[in-house]
Amino acid sequence: MYTLEQIRKSLIDAIKNSGFTQTEIAERLHIKPQSVNDYVRGKSMPALDTFANLCAILDIESDYILGLIDIEGNKTYKK
């Protein structure tokens, strides 16, 4: 089962590896920097459209953030 904590950790890793600051990400998403900080801290999660744009900015598959695949693209779940 997937948890919000796992999603949060994947998001933190993706942001760290992107080379962007949280402020730069917020600017690109046209949201407040506090919103990105809230995502990282697990206080809130982005709306679906914001999540899709966030993945595009970070150049990462949404399935990685959601924990459905690992960084190499291998499935992390079994049918």
N, C-alpha and C. Protein backbone atom coordinates (compact mmCIF):
# COMPACT_ATOMS: atom_id res chain seq x y z
N MET A 1 0.85 -1.18 0.00
CA MET A 1 0.00 0.00 0.00
C MET A 1 0.90 1.24 0.00
N TYR A 2 0.48 2.25 -0.73
CA TYR A 2 1.23 3.48 -0.85
C TYR A 2 0.74 4.48 0.19
N THR A 3 1.66 5.29 0.71
CA THR A 3 1.29 6.26 1.73
C THR A 3 1.68 7.67 1.29
N LEU A 4 1.05 8.65 1.90
CA LEU A 4 1.40 10.03 1.63
C LEU A 4 2.85 10.32 2.02
N GLU A 5 3.34 9.65 3.03
CA GLU A 5 4.73 9.84 3.45
C GLU A 5 5.69 9.39 2.35
N GLN A 6 5.39 8.28 1.69
CA GLN A 6 6.23 7.81 0.59
C GLN A 6 6.19 8.80 -0.57
N ILE A 7 5.02 9.33 -0.87
CA ILE A 7 4.86 10.32 -1.94
C ILE A 7 5.66 11.57 -1.59
N ARG A 8 5.56 12.00 -0.35
CA ARG A 8 6.29 13.19 0.10
C ARG A 8 7.79 12.99 -0.06
N LYS A 9 8.30 11.83 0.34
CA LYS A 9 9.73 11.56 0.22
C LYS A 9 10.18 11.54 -1.24
N SER A 10 9.38 10.97 -2.11
CA SER A 10 9.71 10.96 -3.54
C SER A 10 9.73 12.38 -4.10
N LEU A 11 8.80 13.18 -3.66
CA LEU A 11 8.76 14.58 -4.11
C LEU A 11 9.99 15.33 -3.64
N ILE A 12 10.38 15.13 -2.39
CA ILE A 12 11.58 15.78 -1.86
C ILE A 12 12.80 15.38 -2.69
N ASP A 13 12.93 14.09 -2.98
CA ASP A 13 14.07 13.61 -3.78
C ASP A 13 14.05 14.24 -5.17
N ALA A 14 12.88 14.29 -5.80
CA ALA A 14 12.78 14.86 -7.15
C ALA A 14 13.14 16.34 -7.15
N ILE A 15 12.70 17.07 -6.15
CA ILE A 15 13.04 18.50 -6.06
C ILE A 15 14.54 18.66 -5.84
N LYS A 16 15.10 17.88 -4.94
CA LYS A 16 16.53 17.96 -4.65
C LYS A 16 17.35 17.67 -5.91
N ASN A 17 16.96 16.66 -6.66
CA ASN A 17 17.69 16.26 -7.85
C ASN A 17 17.46 17.19 -9.04
N SER A 18 16.43 18.02 -8.98
CA SER A 18 16.11 18.90 -10.10
C SER A 18 17.08 20.08 -10.21
N GLY A 19 17.67 20.47 -9.10
CA GLY A 19 18.54 21.64 -9.10
C GLY A 19 17.78 22.95 -8.91
N PHE A 20 16.46 22.88 -8.85
CA PHE A 20 15.64 24.07 -8.62
C PHE A 20 15.42 24.26 -7.13
N THR A 21 15.29 25.52 -6.72
CA THR A 21 14.87 25.80 -5.36
C THR A 21 13.35 25.72 -5.31
N GLN A 22 12.82 25.63 -4.11
CA GLN A 22 11.36 25.62 -3.96
C GLN A 22 10.76 26.91 -4.49
N THR A 23 11.47 28.02 -4.32
CA THR A 23 10.99 29.31 -4.82
C THR A 23 10.94 29.31 -6.34
N GLU A 24 11.97 28.77 -6.98
CA GLU A 24 11.98 28.71 -8.44
C GLU A 24 10.85 27.83 -8.97
N ILE A 25 10.60 26.73 -8.29
CA ILE A 25 9.51 25.84 -8.69
C ILE A 25 8.18 26.57 -8.56
N ALA A 26 8.00 27.26 -7.44
CA ALA A 26 6.76 28.00 -7.22
C ALA A 26 6.55 29.05 -8.31
N GLU A 27 7.61 29.76 -8.67
CA GLU A 27 7.51 30.77 -9.73
C GLU A 27 7.07 30.14 -11.04
N ARG A 28 7.66 29.00 -11.38
CA ARG A 28 7.30 28.32 -12.64
C ARG A 28 5.87 27.81 -12.62
N LEU A 29 5.39 27.44 -11.43
CA LEU A 29 4.01 26.94 -11.28
C LEU A 29 2.99 28.07 -11.08
N HIS A 30 3.50 29.29 -10.87
CA HIS A 30 2.64 30.44 -10.59
C HIS A 30 1.83 30.23 -9.32
N ILE A 31 2.54 29.71 -8.30
CA ILE A 31 1.94 29.53 -6.99
C ILE A 31 2.86 30.15 -5.95
N LYS A 32 2.40 30.22 -4.73
CA LYS A 32 3.21 30.78 -3.64
C LYS A 32 4.29 29.78 -3.22
N PRO A 33 5.47 30.29 -2.88
CA PRO A 33 6.52 29.38 -2.39
C PRO A 33 6.07 28.56 -1.18
N GLN A 34 5.21 29.14 -0.35
CA GLN A 34 4.70 28.42 0.81
C GLN A 34 3.94 27.16 0.40
N SER A 35 3.28 27.20 -0.76
CA SER A 35 2.55 26.01 -1.23
C SER A 35 3.51 24.86 -1.51
N VAL A 36 4.63 25.16 -2.16
CA VAL A 36 5.62 24.11 -2.42
C VAL A 36 6.18 23.59 -1.10
N ASN A 37 6.45 24.48 -0.18
CA ASN A 37 6.92 24.08 1.14
C ASN A 37 5.90 23.19 1.83
N ASP A 38 4.63 23.50 1.69
CA ASP A 38 3.58 22.67 2.29
C ASP A 38 3.56 21.27 1.68
N TYR A 39 3.80 21.16 0.37
CA TYR A 39 3.86 19.85 -0.28
C TYR A 39 5.01 19.03 0.30
N VAL A 40 6.16 19.67 0.43
CA VAL A 40 7.36 19.00 0.93
C VAL A 40 7.18 18.58 2.38
N ARG A 41 6.52 19.39 3.16
CA ARG A 41 6.30 19.08 4.58
C ARG A 41 5.12 18.14 4.80
N GLY A 42 4.36 17.86 3.76
CA GLY A 42 3.22 16.97 3.89
C GLY A 42 1.99 17.62 4.46
N LYS A 43 1.98 18.94 4.50
CA LYS A 43 0.81 19.66 5.04
C LYS A 43 -0.33 19.70 4.03
N SER A 44 0.01 19.65 2.74
CA SER A 44 -1.01 19.62 1.69
C SER A 44 -0.42 18.94 0.47
N MET A 45 -1.28 18.61 -0.46
CA MET A 45 -0.85 18.00 -1.71
C MET A 45 -1.35 18.90 -2.84
N PRO A 46 -0.61 18.92 -3.95
CA PRO A 46 -1.01 19.79 -5.06
C PRO A 46 -2.27 19.29 -5.75
N ALA A 47 -2.99 20.23 -6.34
CA ALA A 47 -4.13 19.87 -7.19
C ALA A 47 -3.58 19.05 -8.36
N LEU A 48 -4.43 18.29 -9.00
CA LEU A 48 -4.00 17.40 -10.07
C LEU A 48 -3.29 18.14 -11.20
N ASP A 49 -3.81 19.29 -11.62
CA ASP A 49 -3.15 20.05 -12.69
C ASP A 49 -1.80 20.59 -12.22
N THR A 50 -1.73 21.02 -10.98
CA THR A 50 -0.46 21.50 -10.43
C THR A 50 0.53 20.34 -10.33
N PHE A 51 0.06 19.19 -9.93
CA PHE A 51 0.91 18.00 -9.83
C PHE A 51 1.49 17.64 -11.21
N ALA A 52 0.66 17.66 -12.24
CA ALA A 52 1.12 17.34 -13.59
C ALA A 52 2.19 18.34 -14.04
N ASN A 53 1.95 19.62 -13.79
CA ASN A 53 2.93 20.65 -14.15
C ASN A 53 4.20 20.53 -13.31
N LEU A 54 4.06 20.18 -12.06
CA LEU A 54 5.21 19.99 -11.19
C LEU A 54 6.10 18.86 -11.72
N CYS A 55 5.49 17.76 -12.12
CA CYS A 55 6.26 16.65 -12.68
C CYS A 55 6.97 17.08 -13.96
N ALA A 56 6.31 17.87 -14.78
CA ALA A 56 6.94 18.36 -16.02
C ALA A 56 8.14 19.25 -15.69
N ILE A 57 7.98 20.15 -14.73
CA ILE A 57 9.07 21.05 -14.34
C ILE A 57 10.25 20.25 -13.78
N LEU A 58 9.94 19.25 -12.97
CA LEU A 58 10.99 18.44 -12.36
C LEU A 58 11.55 17.40 -13.33
N ASP A 59 10.92 17.26 -14.49
CA ASP A 59 11.31 16.28 -15.50
C ASP A 59 11.35 14.88 -14.91
N ILE A 60 10.24 14.53 -14.26
CA ILE A 60 10.14 13.23 -13.59
C ILE A 60 8.76 12.64 -13.89
N GLU A 61 8.69 11.34 -13.98
CA GLU A 61 7.42 10.66 -14.22
C GLU A 61 6.53 10.79 -12.98
N SER A 62 5.27 11.04 -13.21
CA SER A 62 4.34 11.12 -12.08
C SER A 62 4.28 9.79 -11.33
N ASP A 63 4.45 8.69 -12.05
CA ASP A 63 4.43 7.37 -11.39
C ASP A 63 5.58 7.23 -10.39
N TYR A 64 6.70 7.92 -10.62
CA TYR A 64 7.80 7.87 -9.65
C TYR A 64 7.39 8.58 -8.35
N ILE A 65 6.81 9.77 -8.51
CA ILE A 65 6.37 10.52 -7.33
C ILE A 65 5.33 9.72 -6.55
N LEU A 66 4.45 9.05 -7.27
CA LEU A 66 3.38 8.29 -6.63
C LEU A 66 3.85 6.95 -6.08
N GLY A 67 5.10 6.58 -6.38
CA GLY A 67 5.64 5.33 -5.86
C GLY A 67 5.29 4.11 -6.69
N LEU A 68 4.78 4.31 -7.89
CA LEU A 68 4.38 3.19 -8.73
C LEU A 68 5.55 2.61 -9.52
N ILE A 69 6.60 3.43 -9.72
CA ILE A 69 7.83 2.96 -10.36
C ILE A 69 9.01 3.51 -9.58
N ASP A 70 10.15 2.85 -9.73
CA ASP A 70 11.36 3.38 -9.10
C ASP A 70 12.03 4.35 -10.07
N ILE A 71 13.16 4.90 -9.70
CA ILE A 71 13.81 5.93 -10.50
C ILE A 71 14.23 5.40 -11.87
N GLU A 72 14.46 4.08 -11.98
CA GLU A 72 14.83 3.49 -13.26
C GLU A 72 13.61 3.17 -14.13
N GLY A 73 12.42 3.33 -13.58
CA GLY A 73 11.20 3.06 -14.33
C GLY A 73 10.64 1.67 -14.13
N ASN A 74 11.20 0.91 -13.19
CA ASN A 74 10.70 -0.43 -12.89
C ASN A 74 9.48 -0.35 -11.99
N LYS A 75 8.49 -1.17 -12.28
CA LYS A 75 7.29 -1.20 -11.45
C LYS A 75 7.64 -1.59 -10.03
N THR A 76 6.98 -0.94 -9.08
CA THR A 76 7.22 -1.24 -7.66
C THR A 76 6.06 -2.03 -7.05
N TYR A 77 5.10 -2.37 -7.87
CA TYR A 77 3.93 -3.09 -7.36
C TYR A 77 3.73 -4.37 -8.15
N LYS A 78 3.03 -5.27 -7.56
CA LYS A 78 2.72 -6.54 -8.23
C LYS A 78 1.21 -6.64 -8.39
N LYS A 79 0.82 -7.26 -9.47
CA LYS A 79 -0.63 -7.44 -9.73
C LYS A 79 -1.20 -8.51 -8.85
